[in-house]
Amino acid sequence: MPLLANRVTVTVHASDPLSRAGVISHLQHQPTVEVLRDTRESRETDGRPADPAVAVMLVDQVDDTASAELRRVVRGGEQRVVLIARELREPDLLTVVEYGVRAILWRHQATEQRLLKAVHSAARGEGELPPDLISRLLVQVGRLRRSETTSSAGSASSAPLFGMAPREVDVLRLVAEGLDTRQISEKLAYSERTVKNILHALMTRLQLTNRAHAVAYALREGYI
């Protein structure tokens, strides 16, 4: 496992104190990890900035409460998420991946070494999924891709499941320049309805609340 230049800063999030303490006990003695017991602590380690922060979230299942907390963690900073779950339903799998979860561990398989490996993978920007989840994810993506091919060519559903399509980037770049829907449609030779559909599909897929949020996301992720 390649080592990072600095220790990885880790915050731990769980619905109950006992579960949180268990995750912390797995990580606190690891020399390559700096566990913040208070998530408001500074991300400085030994006077040097830490590698990208990793948030470890422990949930039974991805219900409304867990989804809200996951969105808060992901949107609250530059943290990359490792999710430890007891179970994941079919609709939840794509949801957590779209939220930006980098690694998923089954709760009954979350040994100290597996957790450490997942934390380092997330810090490097890599993914880590159990084999059974990979097959389920591929099946779901396949279903969505087949659904997309049956949609009309002019609909916004031709956008990718993850990230942004080129035309979505084009639209957001013009939104960032202050153009309204009519001006964007003239600039790109799209109908106003198509521009609205592109933005609506993008914001729905990536859980973005409005155009300003979409522009901020695109800037943060390096699309514009």
Foldseek 3Di string as FASTA:
>chain_A
DDADPAAAEEEEEEPDPVVSVVLCVLPVPDRRHDYDPDPVDDQDDPNHHGQAHEYEYEEAECDPVNLVVLLCVLVVDRYAYEYEYCDYDLVRLLVSVLSRHAEYHHNVGDHSVVVVVQSVCRSVVHHYYDPVSVVSVVVVQVVLVVVLVPDDPLALSVFHLHDGDPVLLLLLVVVVVVDDLVVSCVVVVHDSVSSVRNVVVVCVSNVADDSVSVNVVCVVVVSD
